[in-house]
Amino acid sequence: MSVRLKDFYADWCGPCKTQDPILDEIAEEYPDVEFEKVDVDQKQDVANEYQVRSLPTLIIENDDGVVERFVGVTQRDDIEAALGKAGA
């Protein structure tokens, strides 16, 4: 089963910059997870599809659909727990 983590962000978003190093560490430890950064200023259609209203927003999904959604800076333990639920 494939697991994806979508990181919705914007260059002007301060909390997004706080989230980045956490995601970078997780990406190194979970090579089978597909990480996708979605710049909401450039991909507003994707942000609308996922109903993103605040930044940063993280969406973890697998082949069955969305498993978890986080709004705001999210701690590593919470992200890793959601990746485990998704099958990573």
PDB file of N, CA and C in Angstrom:
ATOM      1  N   MET A   1       0.852  -1.180   0.000  1.00  0.00           N
ATOM      2  CA  MET A   1       0.000   0.000   0.000  1.00  0.00           C
ATOM      3  C   MET A   1       0.893   1.237   0.000  1.00  0.00           C
ATOM      4  N   SER A   2       0.578   2.182  -0.855  1.00  0.00           N
ATOM      5  CA  SER A   2       1.400   3.390  -0.899  1.00  0.00           C
ATOM      6  C   SER A   2       0.864   4.423   0.103  1.00  0.00           C
ATOM      7  N   VAL A   3       1.799   5.130   0.718  1.00  0.00           N
ATOM      8  CA  VAL A   3       1.468   6.158   1.701  1.00  0.00           C
ATOM      9  C   VAL A   3       2.049   7.477   1.211  1.00  0.00           C
ATOM     10  N   ARG A   4       1.214   8.526   1.269  1.00  0.00           N
ATOM     11  CA  ARG A   4       1.633   9.853   0.821  1.00  0.00           C
ATOM     12  C   ARG A   4       1.410  10.866   1.939  1.00  0.00           C
ATOM     13  N   LEU A   5       2.335  11.803   2.055  1.00  0.00           N
ATOM     14  CA  LEU A   5       2.184  12.922   2.969  1.00  0.00           C
ATOM     15  C   LEU A   5       2.225  14.190   2.132  1.00  0.00           C
ATOM     16  N   LYS A   6       1.131  14.925   2.129  1.00  0.00           N
ATOM     17  CA  LYS A   6       1.057  16.194   1.400  1.00  0.00           C
ATOM     18  C   LYS A   6       1.240  17.329   2.400  1.00  0.00           C
ATOM     19  N   ASP A   7       2.224  18.163   2.138  1.00  0.00           N
ATOM     20  CA  ASP A   7       2.550  19.312   2.979  1.00  0.00           C
ATOM     21  C   ASP A   7       2.085  20.573   2.261  1.00  0.00           C
ATOM     22  N   PHE A   8       0.977  21.152   2.721  1.00  0.00           N
ATOM     23  CA  PHE A   8       0.464  22.388   2.135  1.00  0.00           C
ATOM     24  C   PHE A   8       1.110  23.559   2.860  1.00  0.00           C
ATOM     25  N   TYR A   9       1.778  24.427   2.099  1.00  0.00           N
ATOM     26  CA  TYR A   9       2.560  25.519   2.680  1.00  0.00           C
ATOM     27  C   TYR A   9       2.539  26.727   1.743  1.00  0.00           C
ATOM     28  N   ALA A  10       3.155  27.816   2.218  1.00  0.00           N
ATOM     29  CA  ALA A  10       3.408  28.999   1.392  1.00  0.00           C
ATOM     30  C   ALA A  10       4.742  29.581   1.843  1.00  0.00           C
ATOM     31  N   ASP A  11       5.445  30.204   0.925  1.00  0.00           N
ATOM     32  CA  ASP A  11       6.757  30.779   1.251  1.00  0.00           C
ATOM     33  C   ASP A  11       6.672  31.851   2.333  1.00  0.00           C
ATOM     34  N   TRP A  12       5.545  32.546   2.418  1.00  0.00           N
ATOM     35  CA  TRP A  12       5.387  33.634   3.373  1.00  0.00           C
ATOM     36  C   TRP A  12       4.928  33.152   4.757  1.00  0.00           C
ATOM     37  N   CYS A  13       4.705  31.854   4.915  1.00  0.00           N
ATOM     38  CA  CYS A  13       4.135  31.285   6.136  1.00  0.00           C
ATOM     39  C   CYS A  13       5.227  30.932   7.145  1.00  0.00           C
ATOM     40  N   GLY A  14       5.295  31.673   8.248  1.00  0.00           N
ATOM     41  CA  GLY A  14       6.292  31.428   9.283  1.00  0.00           C
ATOM     42  C   GLY A  14       6.187  30.045   9.915  1.00  0.00           C
ATOM     43  N   PRO A  15       4.983  29.623  10.351  1.00  0.00           N
ATOM     44  CA  PRO A  15       4.863  28.285  10.928  1.00  0.00           C
ATOM     45  C   PRO A  15       5.265  27.167   9.960  1.00  0.00           C
ATOM     46  N   CYS A  16       5.100  27.411   8.666  1.00  0.00           N
ATOM     47  CA  CYS A  16       5.504  26.404   7.673  1.00  0.00           C
ATOM     48  C   CYS A  16       7.019  26.182   7.737  1.00  0.00           C
ATOM     49  N   LYS A  17       7.757  27.263   7.957  1.00  0.00           N
ATOM     50  CA  LYS A  17       9.218  27.156   8.058  1.00  0.00           C
ATOM     51  C   LYS A  17       9.617  26.378   9.322  1.00  0.00           C
ATOM     52  N   THR A  18       8.806  26.467  10.368  1.00  0.00           N
ATOM     53  CA  THR A  18       9.043  25.692  11.584  1.00  0.00           C
ATOM     54  C   THR A  18       8.783  24.204  11.329  1.00  0.00           C
ATOM     55  N   GLN A  19       7.793  23.910  10.490  1.00  0.00           N
ATOM     56  CA  GLN A  19       7.419  22.524  10.192  1.00  0.00           C
ATOM     57  C   GLN A  19       8.454  21.824   9.316  1.00  0.00           C
ATOM     58  N   ASP A  20       9.114  22.558   8.439  1.00  0.00           N
ATOM     59  CA  ASP A  20      10.022  21.958   7.444  1.00  0.00           C
ATOM     60  C   ASP A  20      11.090  21.031   8.022  1.00  0.00           C
ATOM     61  N   PRO A  21      11.854  21.431   9.053  1.00  0.00           N
ATOM     62  CA  PRO A  21      12.899  20.526   9.552  1.00  0.00           C
ATOM     63  C   PRO A  21      12.343  19.221  10.129  1.00  0.00           C
ATOM     64  N   ILE A  22      11.154  19.286  10.711  1.00  0.00           N
ATOM     65  CA  ILE A  22      10.516  18.075  11.234  1.00  0.00           C
ATOM     66  C   ILE A  22      10.209  17.124  10.082  1.00  0.00           C
ATOM     67  N   LEU A  23       9.667  17.664   9.008  1.00  0.00           N
ATOM     68  CA  LEU A  23       9.330  16.830   7.853  1.00  0.00           C
ATOM     69  C   LEU A  23      10.587  16.290   7.174  1.00  0.00           C
ATOM     70  N   ASP A  24      11.640  17.093   7.135  1.00  0.00           N
ATOM     71  CA  ASP A  24      12.894  16.635   6.522  1.00  0.00           C
ATOM     72  C   ASP A  24      13.448  15.425   7.270  1.00  0.00           C
ATOM     73  N   GLU A  25      13.401  15.465   8.603  1.00  0.00           N
ATOM     74  CA  GLU A  25      13.886  14.331   9.395  1.00  0.00           C
ATOM     75  C   GLU A  25      13.052  13.082   9.143  1.00  0.00           C
ATOM     76  N   ILE A  26      11.739  13.252   9.108  1.00  0.00           N
ATOM     77  CA  ILE A  26      10.847  12.115   8.896  1.00  0.00           C
ATOM     78  C   ILE A  26      11.057  11.533   7.499  1.00  0.00           C
ATOM     79  N   ALA A  27      11.249  12.385   6.510  1.00  0.00           N
ATOM     80  CA  ALA A  27      11.449  11.915   5.127  1.00  0.00           C
ATOM     81  C   ALA A  27      12.670  11.016   5.029  1.00  0.00           C
ATOM     82  N   GLU A  28      13.709  11.320   5.796  1.00  0.00           N
ATOM     83  CA  GLU A  28      14.916  10.487   5.772  1.00  0.00           C
ATOM     84  C   GLU A  28      14.659   9.107   6.366  1.00  0.00           C
ATOM     85  N   GLU A  29      13.795   9.043   7.371  1.00  0.00           N
ATOM     86  CA  GLU A  29      13.540   7.785   8.065  1.00  0.00           C
ATOM     87  C   GLU A  29      12.424   6.953   7.433  1.00  0.00           C
ATOM     88  N   TYR A  30      11.655   7.538   6.550  1.00  0.00           N
ATOM     89  CA  TYR A  30      10.546   6.840   5.894  1.00  0.00           C
ATOM     90  C   TYR A  30      10.703   6.946   4.375  1.00  0.00           C
ATOM     91  N   PRO A  31      11.687   6.251   3.807  1.00  0.00           N
ATOM     92  CA  PRO A  31      11.936   6.381   2.366  1.00  0.00           C
ATOM     93  C   PRO A  31      10.793   5.855   1.495  1.00  0.00           C
ATOM     94  N   ASP A  32       9.925   5.003   2.049  1.00  0.00           N
ATOM     95  CA  ASP A  32       8.823   4.467   1.254  1.00  0.00           C
ATOM     96  C   ASP A  32       7.619   5.394   1.190  1.00  0.00           C
ATOM     97  N   VAL A  33       7.627   6.445   2.021  1.00  0.00           N
ATOM     98  CA  VAL A  33       6.524   7.407   2.016  1.00  0.00           C
ATOM     99  C   VAL A  33       6.809   8.469   0.951  1.00  0.00           C
ATOM    100  N   GLU A  34       5.795   8.742   0.150  1.00  0.00           N
ATOM    101  CA  GLU A  34       5.920   9.777  -0.884  1.00  0.00           C
ATOM    102  C   GLU A  34       5.573  11.129  -0.254  1.00  0.00           C
ATOM    103  N   PHE A  35       6.552  12.031  -0.199  1.00  0.00           N
ATOM    104  CA  PHE A  35       6.349  13.365   0.357  1.00  0.00           C
ATOM    105  C   PHE A  35       6.105  14.340  -0.789  1.00  0.00           C
ATOM    106  N   GLU A  36       5.050  15.131  -0.672  1.00  0.00           N
ATOM    107  CA  GLU A  36       4.731  16.118  -1.704  1.00  0.00           C
ATOM    108  C   GLU A  36       4.513  17.464  -1.037  1.00  0.00           C
ATOM    109  N   LYS A  37       5.299  18.450  -1.450  1.00  0.00           N
ATOM    110  CA  LYS A  37       5.113  19.814  -0.969  1.00  0.00           C
ATOM    111  C   LYS A  37       4.180  20.525  -1.954  1.00  0.00           C
ATOM    112  N   VAL A  38       3.121  21.131  -1.427  1.00  0.00           N
ATOM    113  CA  VAL A  38       2.135  21.805  -2.257  1.00  0.00           C
ATOM    114  C   VAL A  38       2.122  23.280  -1.870  1.00  0.00           C
ATOM    115  N   ASP A  39       2.662  24.116  -2.739  1.00  0.00           N
ATOM    116  CA  ASP A  39       2.655  25.565  -2.538  1.00  0.00           C
ATOM    117  C   ASP A  39       1.255  26.068  -2.887  1.00  0.00           C
ATOM    118  N   VAL A  40       0.511  26.502  -1.869  1.00  0.00           N
ATOM    119  CA  VAL A  40      -0.879  26.882  -2.105  1.00  0.00           C
ATOM    120  C   VAL A  40      -1.015  28.109  -3.004  1.00  0.00           C
ATOM    121  N   ASP A  41       0.027  28.927  -3.081  1.00  0.00           N
ATOM    122  CA  ASP A  41      -0.023  30.085  -3.969  1.00  0.00           C
ATOM    123  C   ASP A  41       0.081  29.664  -5.426  1.00  0.00           C
ATOM    124  N   GLN A  42       0.718  28.527  -5.678  1.00  0.00           N
ATOM    125  CA  GLN A  42       0.901  28.058  -7.056  1.00  0.00           C
ATOM    126  C   GLN A  42      -0.096  26.962  -7.442  1.00  0.00           C
ATOM    127  N   LYS A  43      -0.604  26.244  -6.434  1.00  0.00           N
ATOM    128  CA  LYS A  43      -1.519  25.131  -6.716  1.00  0.00           C
ATOM    129  C   LYS A  43      -2.798  25.293  -5.902  1.00  0.00           C
ATOM    130  N   GLN A  44      -3.465  26.401  -6.113  1.00  0.00           N
ATOM    131  CA  GLN A  44      -4.693  26.688  -5.367  1.00  0.00           C
ATOM    132  C   GLN A  44      -5.765  25.642  -5.650  1.00  0.00           C
ATOM    133  N   ASP A  45      -5.772  25.079  -6.853  1.00  0.00           N
ATOM    134  CA  ASP A  45      -6.767  24.061  -7.188  1.00  0.00           C
ATOM    135  C   ASP A  45      -6.613  22.818  -6.312  1.00  0.00           C
ATOM    136  N   VAL A  46      -5.371  22.413  -6.044  1.00  0.00           N
ATOM    137  CA  VAL A  46      -5.125  21.252  -5.185  1.00  0.00           C
ATOM    138  C   VAL A  46      -5.513  21.586  -3.748  1.00  0.00           C
ATOM    139  N   ALA A  47      -5.163  22.791  -3.296  1.00  0.00           N
ATOM    140  CA  ALA A  47      -5.536  23.222  -1.942  1.00  0.00           C
ATOM    141  C   ALA A  47      -7.057  23.232  -1.792  1.00  0.00           C
ATOM    142  N   ASN A  48      -7.759  23.676  -2.808  1.00  0.00           N
ATOM    143  CA  ASN A  48      -9.224  23.692  -2.760  1.00  0.00           C
ATOM    144  C   ASN A  48      -9.787  22.275  -2.732  1.00  0.00           C
ATOM    145  N   GLU A  49      -9.192  21.389  -3.513  1.00  0.00           N
ATOM    146  CA  GLU A  49      -9.643  19.998  -3.557  1.00  0.00           C
ATOM    147  C   GLU A  49      -9.568  19.352  -2.172  1.00  0.00           C
ATOM    148  N   TYR A  50      -8.522  19.678  -1.415  1.00  0.00           N
ATOM    149  CA  TYR A  50      -8.331  19.120  -0.079  1.00  0.00           C
ATOM    150  C   TYR A  50      -8.905  20.029   1.019  1.00  0.00           C
ATOM    151  N   GLN A  51      -9.600  21.087   0.610  1.00  0.00           N
ATOM    152  CA  GLN A  51     -10.246  22.028   1.536  1.00  0.00           C
ATOM    153  C   GLN A  51      -9.266  22.584   2.570  1.00  0.00           C
ATOM    154  N   VAL A  52      -8.098  23.007   2.094  1.00  0.00           N
ATOM    155  CA  VAL A  52      -7.080  23.594   2.967  1.00  0.00           C
ATOM    156  C   VAL A  52      -7.443  25.053   3.212  1.00  0.00           C
ATOM    157  N   ARG A  53      -7.587  25.405   4.499  1.00  0.00           N
ATOM    158  CA  ARG A  53      -7.966  26.767   4.875  1.00  0.00           C
ATOM    159  C   ARG A  53      -6.909  27.454   5.723  1.00  0.00           C
ATOM    160  N   SER A  54      -6.011  26.673   6.331  1.00  0.00           N
ATOM    161  CA  SER A  54      -4.963  27.228   7.198  1.00  0.00           C
ATOM    162  C   SER A  54      -3.649  26.539   6.875  1.00  0.00           C
ATOM    163  N   LEU A  55      -2.563  27.241   7.181  1.00  0.00           N
ATOM    164  CA  LEU A  55      -1.230  26.686   6.907  1.00  0.00           C
ATOM    165  C   LEU A  55      -0.420  26.634   8.189  1.00  0.00           C
ATOM    166  N   PRO A  56       0.475  25.687   8.294  1.00  0.00           N
ATOM    167  CA  PRO A  56       0.617  24.545   7.405  1.00  0.00           C
ATOM    168  C   PRO A  56      -0.491  23.516   7.651  1.00  0.00           C
ATOM    169  N   THR A  57      -0.814  22.780   6.599  1.00  0.00           N
ATOM    170  CA  THR A  57      -1.721  21.646   6.707  1.00  0.00           C
ATOM    171  C   THR A  57      -0.993  20.431   6.161  1.00  0.00           C
ATOM    172  N   LEU A  58      -1.022  19.347   6.921  1.00  0.00           N
ATOM    173  CA  LEU A  58      -0.439  18.081   6.484  1.00  0.00           C
ATOM    174  C   LEU A  58      -1.573  17.093   6.297  1.00  0.00           C
ATOM    175  N   ILE A  59      -1.548  16.401   5.171  1.00  0.00           N
ATOM    176  CA  ILE A  59      -2.543  15.364   4.911  1.00  0.00           C
ATOM    177  C   ILE A  59      -1.801  14.071   4.613  1.00  0.00           C
ATOM    178  N   ILE A  60      -2.140  13.049   5.382  1.00  0.00           N
ATOM    179  CA  ILE A  60      -1.538  11.729   5.183  1.00  0.00           C
ATOM    180  C   ILE A  60      -2.620  10.839   4.594  1.00  0.00           C
ATOM    181  N   GLU A  61      -2.291  10.220   3.471  1.00  0.00           N
ATOM    182  CA  GLU A  61      -3.265   9.365   2.810  1.00  0.00           C
ATOM    183  C   GLU A  61      -2.604   8.090   2.310  1.00  0.00           C
ATOM    184  N   ASN A  62      -3.436   7.082   2.124  1.00  0.00           N
ATOM    185  CA  ASN A  62      -2.974   5.845   1.509  1.00  0.00           C
ATOM    186  C   ASN A  62      -3.933   5.508   0.378  1.00  0.00           C
ATOM    187  N   ASP A  63      -3.878   4.286  -0.103  1.00  0.00           N
ATOM    188  CA  ASP A  63      -4.717   3.910  -1.247  1.00  0.00           C
ATOM    189  C   ASP A  63      -6.208   3.974  -0.930  1.00  0.00           C
ATOM    190  N   ASP A  64      -6.553   3.948   0.350  1.00  0.00           N
ATOM    191  CA  ASP A  64      -7.961   4.007   0.759  1.00  0.00           C
ATOM    192  C   ASP A  64      -8.469   5.436   0.926  1.00  0.00           C
ATOM    193  N   GLY A  65      -7.573   6.423   0.909  1.00  0.00           N
ATOM    194  CA  GLY A  65      -7.975   7.816   1.063  1.00  0.00           C
ATOM    195  C   GLY A  65      -7.243   8.487   2.206  1.00  0.00           C
ATOM    196  N   VAL A  66      -7.791   9.610   2.672  1.00  0.00           N
ATOM    197  CA  VAL A  66      -7.161  10.405   3.732  1.00  0.00           C
ATOM    198  C   VAL A  66      -7.239   9.644   5.060  1.00  0.00           C
ATOM    199  N   VAL A  67      -6.090   9.495   5.704  1.00  0.00           N
ATOM    200  CA  VAL A  67      -6.005   8.812   6.993  1.00  0.00           C
ATOM    201  C   VAL A  67      -5.994   9.827   8.131  1.00  0.00           C
ATOM    202  N   GLU A  68      -5.283  10.933   7.908  1.00  0.00           N
ATOM    203  CA  GLU A  68      -5.139  11.937   8.972  1.00  0.00           C
ATOM    204  C   GLU A  68      -4.890  13.306   8.354  1.00  0.00           C
ATOM    205  N   ARG A  69      -5.393  14.330   9.059  1.00  0.00           N
ATOM    206  CA  ARG A  69      -5.180  15.723   8.646  1.00  0.00           C
ATOM    207  C   ARG A  69      -4.718  16.491   9.873  1.00  0.00           C
ATOM    208  N   PHE A  70      -3.649  17.250   9.692  1.00  0.00           N
ATOM    209  CA  PHE A  70      -3.124  18.091  10.772  1.00  0.00           C
ATOM    210  C   PHE A  70      -3.105  19.535  10.294  1.00  0.00           C
ATOM    211  N   VAL A  71      -3.535  20.446  11.144  1.00  0.00           N
ATOM    212  CA  VAL A  71      -3.504  21.870  10.836  1.00  0.00           C
ATOM    213  C   VAL A  71      -2.639  22.549  11.888  1.00  0.00           C
ATOM    214  N   GLY A  72      -1.685  23.347  11.415  1.00  0.00           N
ATOM    215  CA  GLY A  72      -0.737  23.993  12.319  1.00  0.00           C
ATOM    216  C   GLY A  72       0.517  23.143  12.434  1.00  0.00           C
ATOM    217  N   VAL A  73       1.515  23.671  13.117  1.00  0.00           N
ATOM    218  CA  VAL A  73       2.772  22.942  13.283  1.00  0.00           C
ATOM    219  C   VAL A  73       2.481  21.665  14.072  1.00  0.00           C
ATOM    220  N   THR A  74       2.902  20.546  13.516  1.00  0.00           N
ATOM    221  CA  THR A  74       2.603  19.233  14.098  1.00  0.00           C
ATOM    222  C   THR A  74       3.888  18.562  14.546  1.00  0.00           C
ATOM    223  N   GLN A  75       3.850  17.986  15.733  1.00  0.00           N
ATOM    224  CA  GLN A  75       5.027  17.338  16.300  1.00  0.00           C
ATOM    225  C   GLN A  75       5.320  16.016  15.595  1.00  0.00           C
ATOM    226  N   ARG A  76       6.572  15.669  15.616  1.00  0.00           N
ATOM    227  CA  ARG A  76       7.069  14.469  14.957  1.00  0.00           C
ATOM    228  C   ARG A  76       6.323  13.205  15.405  1.00  0.00           C
ATOM    229  N   ASP A  77       6.110  13.040  16.715  1.00  0.00           N
ATOM    230  CA  ASP A  77       5.439  11.839  17.224  1.00  0.00           C
ATOM    231  C   ASP A  77       4.045  11.676  16.627  1.00  0.00           C
ATOM    232  N   ASP A  78       3.319  12.773  16.495  1.00  0.00           N
ATOM    233  CA  ASP A  78       1.969  12.716  15.938  1.00  0.00           C
ATOM    234  C   ASP A  78       1.998  12.313  14.463  1.00  0.00           C
ATOM    235  N   ILE A  79       2.956  12.862  13.727  1.00  0.00           N
ATOM    236  CA  ILE A  79       3.074  12.530  12.305  1.00  0.00           C
ATOM    237  C   ILE A  79       3.448  11.058  12.144  1.00  0.00           C
ATOM    238  N   GLU A  80       4.413  10.593  12.934  1.00  0.00           N
ATOM    239  CA  GLU A  80       4.835   9.201  12.839  1.00  0.00           C
ATOM    240  C   GLU A  80       3.720   8.237  13.209  1.00  0.00           C
ATOM    241  N   ALA A  81       2.904   8.583  14.203  1.00  0.00           N
ATOM    242  CA  ALA A  81       1.776   7.737  14.581  1.00  0.00           C
ATOM    243  C   ALA A  81       0.777   7.634  13.423  1.00  0.00           C
ATOM    244  N   ALA A  82       0.517   8.755  12.756  1.00  0.00           N
ATOM    245  CA  ALA A  82      -0.415   8.756  11.628  1.00  0.00           C
ATOM    246  C   ALA A  82       0.152   7.966  10.449  1.00  0.00           C
ATOM    247  N   LEU A  83       1.476   8.070  10.219  1.00  0.00           N
ATOM    248  CA  LEU A  83       2.086   7.282   9.150  1.00  0.00           C
ATOM    249  C   LEU A  83       1.946   5.791   9.441  1.00  0.00           C
ATOM    250  N   GLY A  84       2.080   5.421  10.713  1.00  0.00           N
ATOM    251  CA  GLY A  84       1.889   4.019  11.098  1.00  0.00           C
ATOM    252  C   GLY A  84       0.468   3.553  10.826  1.00  0.00           C
ATOM    253  N   LYS A  85      -0.533   4.395  11.141  1.00  0.00           N
ATOM    254  CA  LYS A  85      -1.931   4.055  10.868  1.00  0.00           C
ATOM    255  C   LYS A  85      -2.177   3.905   9.371  1.00  0.00           C
ATOM    256  N   ALA A  86      -1.447   4.687   8.575  1.00  0.00           N
ATOM    257  CA  ALA A  86      -1.631   4.662   7.128  1.00  0.00           C
ATOM    258  C   ALA A  86      -0.957   3.459   6.484  1.00  0.00           C
ATOM    259  N   GLY A  87      -0.073   2.793   7.248  1.00  0.00           N
ATOM    260  CA  GLY A  87       0.576   1.600   6.708  1.00  0.00           C
ATOM    261  C   GLY A  87       2.026   1.792   6.334  1.00  0.00           C
ATOM    262  N   ALA A  88       2.648   2.899   6.789  1.00  0.00           N
ATOM    263  CA  ALA A  88       4.066   3.143   6.468  1.00  0.00           C
ATOM    264  C   ALA A  88       4.958   2.303   7.335  1.00  0.00           C
TER     265      ALA A  88
END
